Each structure stands twice: as structure tokens, then as C-alpha cells.
Amino acid sequence: MFSLFTILRILFNIVFAFGNLHITNFISHVQKQKDCPCSTGWKISNGKFISSLLFIVGLINIFFSANNLLSQIPIIGSSYALIFVLLIFVEMFILSRLAKNLREKECSSCNVKGYETLCKFFRKRDTTECIYISLIIAIIFFYL
């Protein structure tokens, strides 16, 4: 049978993967709006790419613990962990900026229906909180 840590790892990776899928859908929703000034730019393209990449990493880790395997390889492991933390931070930073921009006057015509909770959560986050959140997620990700 599965150990408690294996079950927790699988549950965390399911939540992680589908959280990133929700983020990808949110960014795609904003991107598809023609009358939205915030539908283009580096935040949209990079946010969609990073959240899709993290979704794939989460899916892979549901079936086998690739993060633990890669983190044990000397040079690759430390690079993988650092890149992973940076990707999570950049995703959090992009989402916080995008959520704040969607609230401003120039992007007020953008429709975020169905994603209000996500926008509200990230609108309240500053850069320091994004760093803390990304570190906490990475620590949980690598130690489960």
C-alpha cells in the first residue's frame, strides 16, 4: 500500500497541477478578449508558458517523484531546484501584477468573470509575499 508521504505527495501534486491549469485558463481567458488592453504583453505570454510548464511538472510528479530524483543529481539537482523556485516566483509575480493591472482604469473593460477569487487573492500580494509563497511551495514540493 501507499505510505502517508506518498499519498500527501500525490494530493499536493494534484492540487499543484490543477492550480496551474486554472491559472493557465485565467490567462487564456484574459488573452482571448479583444477589447482588453491587458490581453497582450510579456505578462500574458510568459505567464501562460510558465503556468503550462508547471502544470506539466505537477502532472509528472503525480505518477513518480521526478523532483526528488532530479534533486539528488549533484549539479542538475541544485539547478533544477533553483529554476523551479524562480519559475514559481515569476508566476506569482506575473499574477500579482496582472491582477493589479486588471483593476486599473485602463484595463477595467476586461472581463474576469469566474476568476474573481484568483484575482482578489493575487491582487493583495506584494513581491515579498510572492517570494515567501514560492519558497514554501518549493520546500513542500521537494520534501514530500
C-alpha atoms as a PDB file:
ATOM      1  CA  MET A   1       0.000   0.000   0.000  1.00  0.00           C
ATOM      2  CA  PHE A   2       0.999   3.649  -0.142  1.00  0.00           C
ATOM      3  CA  SER A   3       2.721   5.421   2.711  1.00  0.00           C
ATOM      4  CA  LEU A   4       1.308   8.619   4.180  1.00  0.00           C
ATOM      5  CA  PHE A   5       4.007  10.723   2.488  1.00  0.00           C
ATOM      6  CA  THR A   6       3.246   9.168  -0.892  1.00  0.00           C
ATOM      7  CA  ILE A   7      -0.446   9.983  -0.519  1.00  0.00           C
ATOM      8  CA  LEU A   8       0.382  13.542   0.585  1.00  0.00           C
ATOM      9  CA  ARG A   9       2.796  13.946  -2.355  1.00  0.00           C
ATOM     10  CA  ILE A  10       0.162  12.756  -4.811  1.00  0.00           C
ATOM     11  CA  LEU A  11      -2.517  15.035  -3.323  1.00  0.00           C
ATOM     12  CA  PHE A  12      -0.172  18.043  -3.278  1.00  0.00           C
ATOM     13  CA  ASN A  13       0.832  17.453  -6.896  1.00  0.00           C
ATOM     14  CA  ILE A  14      -2.806  17.101  -7.971  1.00  0.00           C
ATOM     15  CA  VAL A  15      -3.625  20.430  -6.306  1.00  0.00           C
ATOM     16  CA  PHE A  16      -0.441  21.977  -7.753  1.00  0.00           C
ATOM     17  CA  ALA A  17      -1.154  20.735 -11.287  1.00  0.00           C
ATOM     18  CA  PHE A  18      -4.796  21.765 -11.349  1.00  0.00           C
ATOM     19  CA  GLY A  19      -3.996  25.093  -9.685  1.00  0.00           C
ATOM     20  CA  ASN A  20      -1.628  25.814 -12.546  1.00  0.00           C
ATOM     21  CA  LEU A  21      -4.246  24.635 -15.031  1.00  0.00           C
ATOM     22  CA  HIS A  22      -6.677  27.153 -13.503  1.00  0.00           C
ATOM     23  CA  ILE A  23      -4.018  29.873 -13.818  1.00  0.00           C
ATOM     24  CA  THR A  24      -3.419  28.926 -17.466  1.00  0.00           C
ATOM     25  CA  ASN A  25      -7.161  29.100 -18.134  1.00  0.00           C
ATOM     26  CA  PHE A  26      -7.359  32.513 -16.433  1.00  0.00           C
ATOM     27  CA  ILE A  27      -4.516  33.932 -18.522  1.00  0.00           C
ATOM     28  CA  SER A  28      -6.034  32.433 -21.698  1.00  0.00           C
ATOM     29  CA  HIS A  29      -9.388  33.982 -20.756  1.00  0.00           C
ATOM     30  CA  VAL A  30      -7.770  37.422 -20.485  1.00  0.00           C
ATOM     31  CA  GLN A  31      -5.775  36.866 -23.679  1.00  0.00           C
ATOM     32  CA  LYS A  32      -8.869  35.986 -25.759  1.00  0.00           C
ATOM     33  CA  GLN A  33     -10.570  39.312 -25.013  1.00  0.00           C
ATOM     34  CA  LYS A  34     -10.084  41.617 -27.994  1.00  0.00           C
ATOM     35  CA  ASP A  35     -11.256  44.781 -26.223  1.00  0.00           C
ATOM     36  CA  CYS A  36      -8.987  44.230 -23.198  1.00  0.00           C
ATOM     37  CA  PRO A  37      -5.798  46.345 -23.201  1.00  0.00           C
ATOM     38  CA  CYS A  38      -4.172  43.854 -20.803  1.00  0.00           C
ATOM     39  CA  SER A  39      -4.670  40.922 -23.194  1.00  0.00           C
ATOM     40  CA  THR A  40      -1.218  41.249 -24.739  1.00  0.00           C
ATOM     41  CA  GLY A  41       2.294  41.702 -23.459  1.00  0.00           C
ATOM     42  CA  TRP A  42       5.011  39.828 -21.657  1.00  0.00           C
ATOM     43  CA  LYS A  43       2.856  39.029 -18.631  1.00  0.00           C
ATOM     44  CA  ILE A  44       0.324  37.153 -20.730  1.00  0.00           C
ATOM     45  CA  SER A  45       2.756  35.200 -22.907  1.00  0.00           C
ATOM     46  CA  ASN A  46       5.232  34.344 -20.144  1.00  0.00           C
ATOM     47  CA  GLY A  47       2.521  33.661 -17.574  1.00  0.00           C
ATOM     48  CA  LYS A  48       0.772  31.239 -19.895  1.00  0.00           C
ATOM     49  CA  PHE A  49       4.044  29.466 -20.729  1.00  0.00           C
ATOM     50  CA  ILE A  50       5.212  29.184 -17.106  1.00  0.00           C
ATOM     51  CA  SER A  51       1.855  28.023 -15.745  1.00  0.00           C
ATOM     52  CA  SER A  52       1.588  25.423 -18.524  1.00  0.00           C
ATOM     53  CA  LEU A  53       5.113  24.211 -17.783  1.00  0.00           C
ATOM     54  CA  LEU A  54       4.405  23.966 -14.052  1.00  0.00           C
ATOM     55  CA  PHE A  55       1.160  22.114 -14.834  1.00  0.00           C
ATOM     56  CA  ILE A  56       3.167  19.504 -16.757  1.00  0.00           C
ATOM     57  CA  VAL A  57       5.715  19.222 -13.926  1.00  0.00           C
ATOM     58  CA  GLY A  58       2.869  18.703 -11.452  1.00  0.00           C
ATOM     59  CA  LEU A  59       1.309  16.014 -13.637  1.00  0.00           C
ATOM     60  CA  ILE A  60       4.609  14.162 -13.994  1.00  0.00           C
ATOM     61  CA  ASN A  61       5.136  14.256 -10.232  1.00  0.00           C
ATOM     62  CA  ILE A  62       1.731  12.697  -9.608  1.00  0.00           C
ATOM     63  CA  PHE A  63       2.905   9.442 -11.163  1.00  0.00           C
ATOM     64  CA  PHE A  64       6.529   9.373  -9.996  1.00  0.00           C
ATOM     65  CA  SER A  65       8.628  11.701  -7.895  1.00  0.00           C
ATOM     66  CA  ALA A  66      10.769  13.253 -10.621  1.00  0.00           C
ATOM     67  CA  ASN A  67      11.635  16.236  -8.437  1.00  0.00           C
ATOM     68  CA  ASN A  68      13.267  14.026  -5.791  1.00  0.00           C
ATOM     69  CA  LEU A  69      15.080  12.043  -8.464  1.00  0.00           C
ATOM     70  CA  LEU A  70      16.428  15.157 -10.208  1.00  0.00           C
ATOM     71  CA  SER A  71      17.305  16.962  -6.982  1.00  0.00           C
ATOM     72  CA  GLN A  72      19.644  14.114  -5.955  1.00  0.00           C
ATOM     73  CA  ILE A  73      21.870  14.569  -9.024  1.00  0.00           C
ATOM     74  CA  PRO A  74      24.683  16.927  -7.870  1.00  0.00           C
ATOM     75  CA  ILE A  75      24.831  19.757 -10.430  1.00  0.00           C
ATOM     76  CA  ILE A  76      21.474  19.198 -12.093  1.00  0.00           C
ATOM     77  CA  GLY A  77      19.643  18.931  -8.771  1.00  0.00           C
ATOM     78  CA  SER A  78      20.650  22.315  -7.415  1.00  0.00           C
ATOM     79  CA  SER A  79      19.991  23.953 -10.781  1.00  0.00           C
ATOM     80  CA  TYR A  80      16.595  22.263 -11.041  1.00  0.00           C
ATOM     81  CA  ALA A  81      15.604  23.407  -7.553  1.00  0.00           C
ATOM     82  CA  LEU A  82      16.717  26.988  -8.226  1.00  0.00           C
ATOM     83  CA  ILE A  83      14.959  27.116 -11.603  1.00  0.00           C
ATOM     84  CA  PHE A  84      11.815  25.665 -10.037  1.00  0.00           C
ATOM     85  CA  VAL A  85      11.758  28.309  -7.280  1.00  0.00           C
ATOM     86  CA  LEU A  86      12.364  31.052  -9.843  1.00  0.00           C
ATOM     87  CA  LEU A  87       9.566  29.788 -12.091  1.00  0.00           C
ATOM     88  CA  ILE A  88       7.107  29.740  -9.207  1.00  0.00           C
ATOM     89  CA  PHE A  89       8.201  33.234  -8.131  1.00  0.00           C
ATOM     90  CA  VAL A  90       7.884  34.637 -11.657  1.00  0.00           C
ATOM     91  CA  GLU A  91       4.438  33.061 -11.987  1.00  0.00           C
ATOM     92  CA  MET A  92       3.327  34.589  -8.662  1.00  0.00           C
ATOM     93  CA  PHE A  93       4.815  37.977  -9.604  1.00  0.00           C
ATOM     94  CA  ILE A  94       3.119  37.967 -13.021  1.00  0.00           C
ATOM     95  CA  LEU A  95      -0.226  37.035 -11.485  1.00  0.00           C
ATOM     96  CA  SER A  96       0.006  39.736  -8.823  1.00  0.00           C
ATOM     97  CA  ARG A  97       0.876  42.398 -11.413  1.00  0.00           C
ATOM     98  CA  LEU A  98      -1.770  41.189 -13.843  1.00  0.00           C
ATOM     99  CA  ALA A  99      -4.444  41.173 -11.133  1.00  0.00           C
ATOM    100  CA  LYS A 100      -3.467  44.714 -10.097  1.00  0.00           C
ATOM    101  CA  ASN A 101      -3.433  45.911 -13.720  1.00  0.00           C
ATOM    102  CA  LEU A 102      -6.887  44.444 -14.338  1.00  0.00           C
ATOM    103  CA  ARG A 103      -8.172  46.622 -11.508  1.00  0.00           C
ATOM    104  CA  GLU A 104      -6.780  49.858 -13.011  1.00  0.00           C
ATOM    105  CA  LYS A 105      -8.832  52.207 -15.175  1.00  0.00           C
ATOM    106  CA  GLU A 106      -7.195  51.294 -18.490  1.00  0.00           C
ATOM    107  CA  CYS A 107      -7.979  47.569 -18.076  1.00  0.00           C
ATOM    108  CA  SER A 108     -11.345  47.945 -16.371  1.00  0.00           C
ATOM    109  CA  SER A 109     -13.087  46.761 -19.556  1.00  0.00           C
ATOM    110  CA  CYS A 110     -11.515  43.310 -19.154  1.00  0.00           C
ATOM    111  CA  ASN A 111     -13.871  40.548 -18.042  1.00  0.00           C
ATOM    112  CA  VAL A 112     -12.597  38.306 -15.241  1.00  0.00           C
ATOM    113  CA  LYS A 113     -15.901  36.582 -14.525  1.00  0.00           C
ATOM    114  CA  GLY A 114     -15.268  33.201 -12.935  1.00  0.00           C
ATOM    115  CA  TYR A 115     -11.782  34.204 -11.801  1.00  0.00           C
ATOM    116  CA  GLU A 116     -12.658  36.849  -9.204  1.00  0.00           C
ATOM    117  CA  THR A 117     -11.270  34.811  -6.295  1.00  0.00           C
ATOM    118  CA  LEU A 118      -7.957  34.263  -8.068  1.00  0.00           C
ATOM    119  CA  CYS A 119      -7.684  37.970  -8.917  1.00  0.00           C
ATOM    120  CA  LYS A 120      -8.605  39.027  -5.399  1.00  0.00           C
ATOM    121  CA  PHE A 121      -6.019  36.679  -3.870  1.00  0.00           C
ATOM    122  CA  PHE A 122      -3.155  37.823  -6.106  1.00  0.00           C
ATOM    123  CA  ARG A 123      -4.124  41.500  -6.082  1.00  0.00           C
ATOM    124  CA  LYS A 124      -3.324  41.598  -2.367  1.00  0.00           C
ATOM    125  CA  ARG A 125       0.154  40.037  -2.761  1.00  0.00           C
ATOM    126  CA  ASP A 126       3.327  42.089  -2.925  1.00  0.00           C
ATOM    127  CA  THR A 127       6.767  40.960  -4.073  1.00  0.00           C
ATOM    128  CA  THR A 128       7.885  39.826  -0.619  1.00  0.00           C
ATOM    129  CA  GLU A 129       4.827  37.633  -0.205  1.00  0.00           C
ATOM    130  CA  CYS A 130       5.421  36.179  -3.681  1.00  0.00           C
ATOM    131  CA  ILE A 131       8.940  35.211  -2.584  1.00  0.00           C
ATOM    132  CA  TYR A 132       7.642  33.576   0.594  1.00  0.00           C
ATOM    133  CA  ILE A 133       4.856  31.712  -1.209  1.00  0.00           C
ATOM    134  CA  SER A 134       7.222  30.415  -3.883  1.00  0.00           C
ATOM    135  CA  LEU A 135       9.736  29.232  -1.269  1.00  0.00           C
ATOM    136  CA  ILE A 136       7.033  27.470   0.748  1.00  0.00           C
ATOM    137  CA  ILE A 137       5.636  25.738  -2.341  1.00  0.00           C
ATOM    138  CA  ALA A 138       9.121  24.658  -3.441  1.00  0.00           C
ATOM    139  CA  ILE A 139      10.021  23.321   0.013  1.00  0.00           C
ATOM    140  CA  ILE A 140       6.812  21.306   0.176  1.00  0.00           C
ATOM    141  CA  PHE A 141       7.312  20.160  -3.416  1.00  0.00           C
ATOM    142  CA  PHE A 142      10.840  18.872  -2.806  1.00  0.00           C
ATOM    143  CA  TYR A 143      10.328  17.354   0.639  1.00  0.00           C
ATOM    144  CA  LEU A 144       7.121  15.408   0.039  1.00  0.00           C
END
